Amino acid sequence: MPDGELRQRSDSRLRGARAAAYVGSGSVSAGQDVGGLGIGASNVVNGTVWARTFGTARLGQIQGMAMSATITAAALAPLVPAIALSLTGSYEFGLVTLAVVAAVALLLSFRSGVRE
């Protein structure tokens, strides 16, 4: 085994040991652990669902369009409750509006069929 490969393996083992010690010391809460696992799992699930739903022929193009829409929505969504607060003095209407939009999007997502 070349010396560089051995050094690289030991460095990664040390990083893993440091991370385990950090988590074991109670510095990271259980919620953060669960959140990290959820985010990691969602990356795998997303890739699988995209490929099964749309096929792989234009997967990159479809994911790129979806990511553009996601980023745009994430940038514009805070405006809805802010405008509601300005007009009504409360966030309630804006948050209800966002909840309705999310519910409609969820219902529309069930209409798309999975490609076999």
Protein backbone atom coordinates (compact mmCIF):
# COMPACT_ATOMS: atom_id res chain seq x y z
CA MET A 1 0.00 0.00 0.00
CA PRO A 2 1.50 3.37 -0.98
CA ASP A 3 2.39 5.71 1.88
CA GLY A 4 -0.01 8.44 0.68
CA GLU A 5 -2.99 6.06 0.68
CA LEU A 6 -2.20 4.89 4.21
CA ARG A 7 -1.93 8.49 5.41
CA GLN A 8 -5.25 9.35 3.74
CA ARG A 9 -6.98 6.38 5.40
CA SER A 10 -5.66 7.30 8.84
CA ASP A 11 -6.71 10.96 8.34
CA SER A 12 -10.27 9.91 7.52
CA ARG A 13 -10.35 7.56 10.51
CA LEU A 14 -9.15 10.37 12.76
CA ARG A 15 -11.87 12.66 11.42
CA GLY A 16 -14.47 9.98 12.08
CA ALA A 17 -13.15 9.45 15.62
CA ARG A 18 -13.20 13.20 16.28
CA ALA A 19 -16.78 13.45 15.01
CA ALA A 20 -17.87 10.50 17.16
CA ALA A 21 -16.21 12.04 20.22
CA TYR A 22 -17.91 15.36 19.52
CA VAL A 23 -21.33 13.74 19.20
CA GLY A 24 -20.69 11.49 22.20
CA SER A 25 -19.71 14.45 24.38
CA GLY A 26 -23.25 15.81 24.25
CA SER A 27 -22.22 18.85 22.21
CA VAL A 28 -24.71 17.93 19.53
CA SER A 29 -28.35 17.53 20.47
CA ALA A 30 -30.47 14.57 19.46
CA GLY A 31 -32.56 16.92 17.30
CA GLN A 32 -29.50 17.90 15.31
CA ASP A 33 -28.61 14.24 14.88
CA VAL A 34 -32.08 13.42 13.58
CA GLY A 35 -32.10 16.52 11.38
CA GLY A 36 -28.79 15.56 9.82
CA LEU A 37 -29.99 12.04 9.14
CA GLY A 38 -33.20 13.39 7.60
CA ILE A 39 -31.37 15.79 5.31
CA GLY A 40 -28.94 13.08 4.24
CA ALA A 41 -31.75 10.63 3.55
CA SER A 42 -33.75 13.20 1.61
CA ASN A 43 -30.86 13.64 -0.83
CA VAL A 44 -30.93 9.92 -1.64
CA VAL A 45 -34.73 9.77 -1.80
CA ASN A 46 -34.94 12.85 -4.03
CA GLY A 47 -32.56 11.39 -6.59
CA THR A 48 -34.47 8.12 -6.68
CA VAL A 49 -37.89 9.74 -6.95
CA TRP A 50 -36.79 12.11 -9.73
CA ALA A 51 -35.33 9.26 -11.77
CA ARG A 52 -38.36 6.99 -11.29
CA THR A 53 -40.86 9.76 -12.02
CA PHE A 54 -39.28 11.38 -15.07
CA GLY A 55 -36.82 8.79 -16.35
CA THR A 56 -33.13 9.49 -16.83
CA ALA A 57 -33.04 10.89 -20.37
CA ARG A 58 -33.46 14.55 -19.36
CA LEU A 59 -33.05 14.21 -15.62
CA GLY A 60 -30.45 16.98 -15.27
CA GLN A 61 -32.54 19.43 -17.25
CA ILE A 62 -35.68 18.69 -15.22
CA GLN A 63 -33.84 18.90 -11.89
CA GLY A 64 -32.24 22.18 -12.95
CA MET A 65 -35.63 23.71 -13.74
CA ALA A 66 -37.05 22.43 -10.46
CA MET A 67 -34.11 23.83 -8.49
CA SER A 68 -34.52 27.21 -10.19
CA ALA A 69 -38.20 27.24 -9.24
CA THR A 70 -37.36 26.20 -5.66
CA ILE A 71 -34.79 28.95 -5.21
CA THR A 72 -37.12 31.56 -6.71
CA ALA A 73 -39.97 30.45 -4.45
CA ALA A 74 -37.71 30.47 -1.39
CA ALA A 75 -36.64 34.01 -2.21
CA LEU A 76 -40.18 35.30 -2.85
CA ALA A 77 -42.12 33.42 -0.15
CA PRO A 78 -41.10 35.72 2.74
CA LEU A 79 -42.74 38.60 0.88
CA VAL A 80 -46.20 37.08 1.34
CA PRO A 81 -46.33 37.31 5.16
CA ALA A 82 -44.44 40.62 5.07
CA ILE A 83 -47.06 42.15 2.77
CA ALA A 84 -49.83 40.64 4.90
CA LEU A 85 -48.27 42.22 8.00
CA SER A 86 -48.10 45.60 6.27
CA LEU A 87 -51.71 45.45 5.09
CA THR A 88 -53.44 43.77 8.02
CA GLY A 89 -51.08 44.10 10.98
CA SER A 90 -50.84 40.32 11.30
CA TYR A 91 -48.92 37.50 9.68
CA GLU A 92 -51.96 35.21 9.76
CA PHE A 93 -53.32 35.87 6.24
CA GLY A 94 -49.87 35.50 4.67
CA LEU A 95 -49.11 32.26 6.47
CA VAL A 96 -52.54 30.82 5.63
CA THR A 97 -51.95 31.79 1.99
CA LEU A 98 -48.62 29.96 1.97
CA ALA A 99 -50.22 26.90 3.61
CA VAL A 100 -52.94 26.83 0.94
CA VAL A 101 -50.36 27.10 -1.84
CA ALA A 102 -48.39 24.21 -0.28
CA ALA A 103 -51.55 22.09 0.04
CA VAL A 104 -52.49 22.71 -3.59
CA ALA A 105 -48.96 21.81 -4.71
CA LEU A 106 -49.14 18.60 -2.67
CA LEU A 107 -52.48 17.65 -4.22
CA LEU A 108 -51.19 18.37 -7.72
CA SER A 109 -48.14 16.20 -7.06
CA PHE A 110 -50.38 13.16 -6.62
CA ARG A 111 -51.73 13.64 -10.12
CA SER A 112 -48.39 12.87 -11.76
CA GLY A 113 -47.85 9.20 -12.52
CA VAL A 114 -44.67 7.24 -11.96
CA ARG A 115 -42.93 6.03 -15.13
CA GLU A 116 -42.29 2.32 -15.25
